[in-house]
Amino acid sequence: MSDLDTTGLIIIGHLVGAMVVGGAIGLERSFHARPAGFRTHVLVCMASSTLMLVTYFQWKWLPQTLLDTVRADPARMAQGIMTGIGFLGAGVIFKEGLSVRGLTTAASIWITAAIGILIGIGFYFPAVVATLLTLGTLSVFRWIETKLPSQFYAHYHIRFDRNTALPESEIRRVLQEHGFTVANMSYRVGDNTSSFEYRMIIRTTNSANMATLAESLRVQDNVCSFKISPTGD
């Protein structure tokens, strides 16, 4: 087999490997309907691998007369790749109401690019280990998180007519009955001065309590309006 054929097979192996591991991570993201899914992760991993092949096989594309004087630095290439990935990762992070979404997807794009770099230089063992650990983090750790006790926070606004507003003690009592505690509280008189509003951050250990509280408030005639906005990543 000629040297050209051998080089071609190596390049194909690197790119196919990048496509496989990028697709494995992307499938997990697509399954959970994340903004960057299967194809995005495949392309990120393959692009990182392709760019590293530029330095890995620089002796194939640089003129022979320049090989002794010009060297493409693989470390600088990797640094440039990760800088570019930062912009792509930032694009999948977005604010939805009072919550920030996409942080885990941005992190998965980042690690996918790093794995692509490893495959691009033929460092397969750490690439495989990193892929398995990444998939474990995205799937097994998700299950662990659901089993761990945690608190759920929400921004809670409730508005009354100024003359019939419930006292703060009553507000706290109702919240306590529904399984909430108050992290902090502020007060606001409406712009038209005819309404009074409590604004607070509340917490509970059961996210279903938010729906129960909302249903309870919906049928109360003295409540002019209310808003419960869960927070989280």
Protein backbone atom coordinates (compact mmCIF):
# COMPACT_ATOMS: atom_id res chain seq x y z
CA MET A 1 0.00 0.00 0.00
CA SER A 2 1.40 3.40 -0.97
CA ASP A 3 2.20 6.14 1.52
CA LEU A 4 -0.61 8.23 0.03
CA ASP A 5 -3.12 5.43 0.55
CA THR A 6 -1.96 4.95 4.14
CA THR A 7 -2.27 8.66 4.89
CA GLY A 8 -5.72 8.74 3.33
CA LEU A 9 -6.92 5.85 5.49
CA ILE A 10 -5.55 7.53 8.62
CA ILE A 11 -7.33 10.77 7.77
CA ILE A 12 -10.58 8.91 7.10
CA GLY A 13 -10.21 7.04 10.39
CA HIS A 14 -9.73 10.29 12.31
CA LEU A 15 -12.73 12.01 10.74
CA VAL A 16 -15.03 9.00 11.03
CA GLY A 17 -14.01 8.60 14.67
CA ALA A 18 -14.81 12.27 15.27
CA MET A 19 -18.19 11.82 13.57
CA VAL A 20 -19.03 8.79 15.74
CA VAL A 21 -18.16 10.29 19.12
CA GLY A 22 -19.65 13.67 18.23
CA GLY A 23 -22.83 11.91 17.15
CA ALA A 24 -22.98 9.89 20.38
CA ILE A 25 -22.88 13.05 22.48
CA GLY A 26 -25.25 14.86 20.12
CA LEU A 27 -27.83 12.08 20.30
CA GLU A 28 -28.13 12.57 24.05
CA ARG A 29 -28.67 16.31 23.54
CA SER A 30 -31.21 15.75 20.74
CA PHE A 31 -33.12 13.24 22.86
CA HIS A 32 -33.64 15.95 25.47
CA ALA A 33 -34.61 18.53 22.80
CA ARG A 34 -31.67 20.82 23.42
CA PRO A 35 -30.93 23.69 20.98
CA ALA A 36 -27.65 22.12 19.79
CA GLY A 37 -28.22 18.46 19.05
CA PHE A 38 -27.01 15.59 16.90
CA ARG A 39 -25.78 17.37 13.76
CA THR A 40 -24.28 20.31 15.65
CA HIS A 41 -22.12 18.06 17.83
CA VAL A 42 -21.06 15.94 14.85
CA LEU A 43 -19.96 19.03 12.92
CA VAL A 44 -18.15 20.54 15.92
CA CYS A 45 -16.19 17.34 16.54
CA MET A 46 -15.36 16.83 12.88
CA ALA A 47 -14.32 20.46 12.42
CA SER A 48 -11.96 20.27 15.41
CA SER A 49 -10.49 17.02 14.12
CA THR A 50 -10.10 18.42 10.59
CA LEU A 51 -8.25 21.51 11.78
CA MET A 52 -5.90 19.44 13.89
CA LEU A 53 -5.17 17.25 10.87
CA VAL A 54 -3.83 20.40 9.21
CA THR A 55 -0.98 20.48 11.71
CA TYR A 56 -0.71 16.71 12.10
CA PHE A 57 -0.06 16.26 8.38
CA GLN A 58 1.62 19.58 7.66
CA TRP A 59 4.46 17.75 5.90
CA LYS A 60 1.90 16.68 3.28
CA TRP A 61 0.76 20.15 2.29
CA LEU A 62 3.73 22.40 3.02
CA PRO A 63 6.26 22.69 0.18
CA GLN A 64 9.40 20.70 0.92
CA THR A 65 11.48 23.86 0.77
CA LEU A 66 9.51 25.38 3.66
CA LEU A 67 9.36 22.39 5.98
CA ASP A 68 12.66 23.24 7.66
CA THR A 69 11.71 26.86 8.30
CA VAL A 70 7.92 26.80 8.82
CA ARG A 71 6.11 24.81 11.47
CA ALA A 72 2.40 24.95 12.29
CA ASP A 73 2.08 24.78 16.07
CA PRO A 74 -0.60 22.21 17.09
CA ALA A 75 -1.03 23.84 20.49
CA ARG A 76 -1.85 27.20 18.92
CA MET A 77 -4.27 25.52 16.54
CA ALA A 78 -6.04 23.87 19.49
CA GLN A 79 -6.17 27.21 21.30
CA GLY A 80 -7.76 28.84 18.24
CA ILE A 81 -10.34 26.05 18.00
CA MET A 82 -11.39 26.42 21.63
CA THR A 83 -11.64 30.20 21.25
CA GLY A 84 -14.00 29.79 18.31
CA ILE A 85 -16.06 27.21 20.17
CA GLY A 86 -16.60 29.79 22.92
CA PHE A 87 -18.69 31.88 20.52
CA LEU A 88 -20.72 28.86 19.43
CA GLY A 89 -21.30 27.85 23.04
CA ALA A 90 -22.47 31.35 23.93
CA GLY A 91 -25.02 31.13 21.12
CA VAL A 92 -26.90 28.24 22.75
CA ILE A 93 -27.17 29.96 26.13
CA PHE A 94 -30.36 31.98 26.37
CA LYS A 95 -32.57 33.54 28.98
CA GLU A 96 -36.09 32.20 29.27
CA GLY A 97 -38.05 34.39 31.62
CA LEU A 98 -36.02 34.48 34.81
CA SER A 99 -34.19 31.24 34.03
CA VAL A 100 -30.97 30.70 32.09
CA ARG A 101 -31.00 27.73 29.70
CA GLY A 102 -28.39 26.02 27.59
CA LEU A 103 -25.43 25.99 29.97
CA THR A 104 -25.07 22.21 29.87
CA THR A 105 -25.38 22.17 26.08
CA ALA A 106 -22.67 24.83 25.81
CA ALA A 107 -20.43 22.72 28.02
CA SER A 108 -21.14 19.62 25.89
CA ILE A 109 -20.12 21.55 22.75
CA TRP A 110 -16.91 22.58 24.48
CA ILE A 111 -15.97 19.02 25.51
CA THR A 112 -16.96 17.74 22.04
CA ALA A 113 -14.49 20.17 20.47
CA ALA A 114 -11.79 19.00 22.88
CA ILE A 115 -12.48 15.36 21.97
CA GLY A 116 -12.33 16.29 18.30
CA ILE A 117 -8.86 17.76 18.88
CA LEU A 118 -7.71 14.52 20.53
CA ILE A 119 -9.01 12.46 17.63
CA GLY A 120 -7.48 14.87 15.13
CA ILE A 121 -3.99 14.19 16.49
CA GLY A 122 -4.67 10.45 16.84
CA PHE A 123 -4.75 10.43 20.65
CA TYR A 124 -7.55 7.86 20.69
CA PHE A 125 -7.38 6.45 24.20
CA PRO A 126 -8.08 9.73 26.06
CA ALA A 127 -10.65 10.58 23.38
CA VAL A 128 -12.59 7.37 24.06
CA VAL A 129 -12.31 7.82 27.83
CA ALA A 130 -13.48 11.44 27.56
CA THR A 131 -16.42 10.39 25.37
CA LEU A 132 -17.55 7.74 27.85
CA LEU A 133 -17.20 10.12 30.78
CA THR A 134 -19.09 12.84 28.91
CA LEU A 135 -21.98 10.51 28.09
CA GLY A 136 -22.00 9.33 31.70
CA THR A 137 -22.11 12.91 32.95
CA LEU A 138 -24.98 13.84 30.64
CA SER A 139 -27.08 10.74 31.29
CA VAL A 140 -26.18 9.02 34.58
CA PHE A 141 -25.60 12.28 36.42
CA ARG A 142 -28.99 13.51 35.22
CA TRP A 143 -30.59 10.53 36.97
CA ILE A 144 -28.52 11.18 40.11
CA GLU A 145 -29.63 14.83 40.15
CA THR A 146 -33.29 13.78 40.11
CA LYS A 147 -32.68 11.58 43.17
CA LEU A 148 -30.78 14.16 45.20
CA PRO A 149 -32.79 16.34 47.59
CA SER A 150 -32.86 19.89 46.32
CA GLN A 151 -34.74 23.14 46.68
CA PHE A 152 -36.72 24.82 43.91
CA TYR A 153 -36.85 28.61 43.78
CA ALA A 154 -39.37 30.92 42.16
CA HIS A 155 -40.01 34.63 41.84
CA TYR A 156 -43.46 35.25 43.28
CA HIS A 157 -45.50 38.41 42.73
CA ILE A 158 -49.02 38.88 44.08
CA ARG A 159 -51.09 42.04 43.72
CA PHE A 160 -54.15 43.19 45.69
CA ASP A 161 -56.40 46.19 45.74
CA ARG A 162 -54.66 48.65 48.04
CA ASN A 163 -57.53 48.76 50.50
CA THR A 164 -58.02 44.99 50.75
CA ALA A 165 -54.44 43.74 50.68
CA LEU A 166 -53.69 40.80 52.94
CA PRO A 167 -51.16 41.41 55.71
CA GLU A 168 -47.69 39.95 55.32
CA SER A 169 -48.30 37.40 58.06
CA GLU A 170 -51.25 35.99 56.11
CA ILE A 171 -49.18 35.82 52.91
CA ARG A 172 -46.49 33.87 54.72
CA ARG A 173 -49.07 31.55 56.29
CA VAL A 174 -50.59 30.67 52.92
CA LEU A 175 -47.17 29.98 51.46
CA GLN A 176 -46.25 27.79 54.41
CA GLU A 177 -49.44 25.78 53.98
CA HIS A 178 -48.39 25.05 50.41
CA GLY A 179 -44.89 23.97 51.41
CA PHE A 180 -42.99 27.20 50.72
CA THR A 181 -40.65 29.37 52.70
CA VAL A 182 -39.80 32.97 51.84
CA ALA A 183 -36.18 33.77 50.99
CA ASN A 184 -36.75 37.53 50.81
CA MET A 185 -39.63 39.95 50.33
CA SER A 186 -40.20 43.43 48.97
CA TYR A 187 -43.26 45.66 48.71
CA ARG A 188 -44.58 47.86 45.93
CA VAL A 189 -47.45 50.28 45.44
CA GLY A 190 -48.76 50.26 41.87
CA ASP A 191 -48.17 53.17 39.52
CA ASN A 192 -51.82 54.11 39.74
CA THR A 193 -51.52 53.98 43.59
CA SER A 194 -54.65 51.81 43.76
CA SER A 195 -52.85 48.48 44.09
CA PHE A 196 -50.38 46.94 46.52
CA GLU A 197 -47.96 44.21 45.54
CA TYR A 198 -45.75 41.75 47.39
CA ARG A 199 -42.66 40.57 45.52
CA MET A 200 -40.55 37.77 46.90
CA ILE A 201 -38.38 34.78 46.18
CA ILE A 202 -39.89 31.58 47.54
CA ARG A 203 -38.47 28.08 47.83
CA THR A 204 -39.82 24.56 48.21
CA THR A 205 -38.51 21.01 48.12
CA ASN A 206 -41.32 19.86 45.78
CA SER A 207 -41.73 21.60 42.42
CA ALA A 208 -45.35 20.38 42.22
CA ASN A 209 -46.20 22.81 45.03
CA MET A 210 -46.00 25.66 42.52
CA ALA A 211 -48.93 24.34 40.51
CA THR A 212 -50.92 23.76 43.71
CA LEU A 213 -50.26 27.32 44.88
CA ALA A 214 -51.24 28.74 41.50
CA GLU A 215 -54.53 26.84 41.51
CA SER A 216 -55.28 28.08 45.03
CA LEU A 217 -54.64 31.71 44.08
CA ARG A 218 -56.65 31.46 40.87
CA VAL A 219 -59.94 31.08 42.71
CA GLN A 220 -59.38 33.86 45.25
CA ASP A 221 -61.45 36.93 44.44
CA ASN A 222 -59.28 39.36 46.38
CA VAL A 223 -56.20 38.55 44.32
CA CYS A 224 -55.97 40.98 41.40
CA SER A 225 -53.04 39.20 39.77
CA PHE A 226 -50.16 36.91 40.60
CA LYS A 227 -47.04 35.55 38.94
CA ILE A 228 -44.95 32.50 39.83
CA SER A 229 -41.74 32.24 37.77
CA PRO A 230 -39.50 29.24 38.55
CA THR A 231 -35.78 29.92 38.40
CA GLY A 232 -33.01 27.55 37.51
CA ASP A 233 -30.39 26.49 34.99
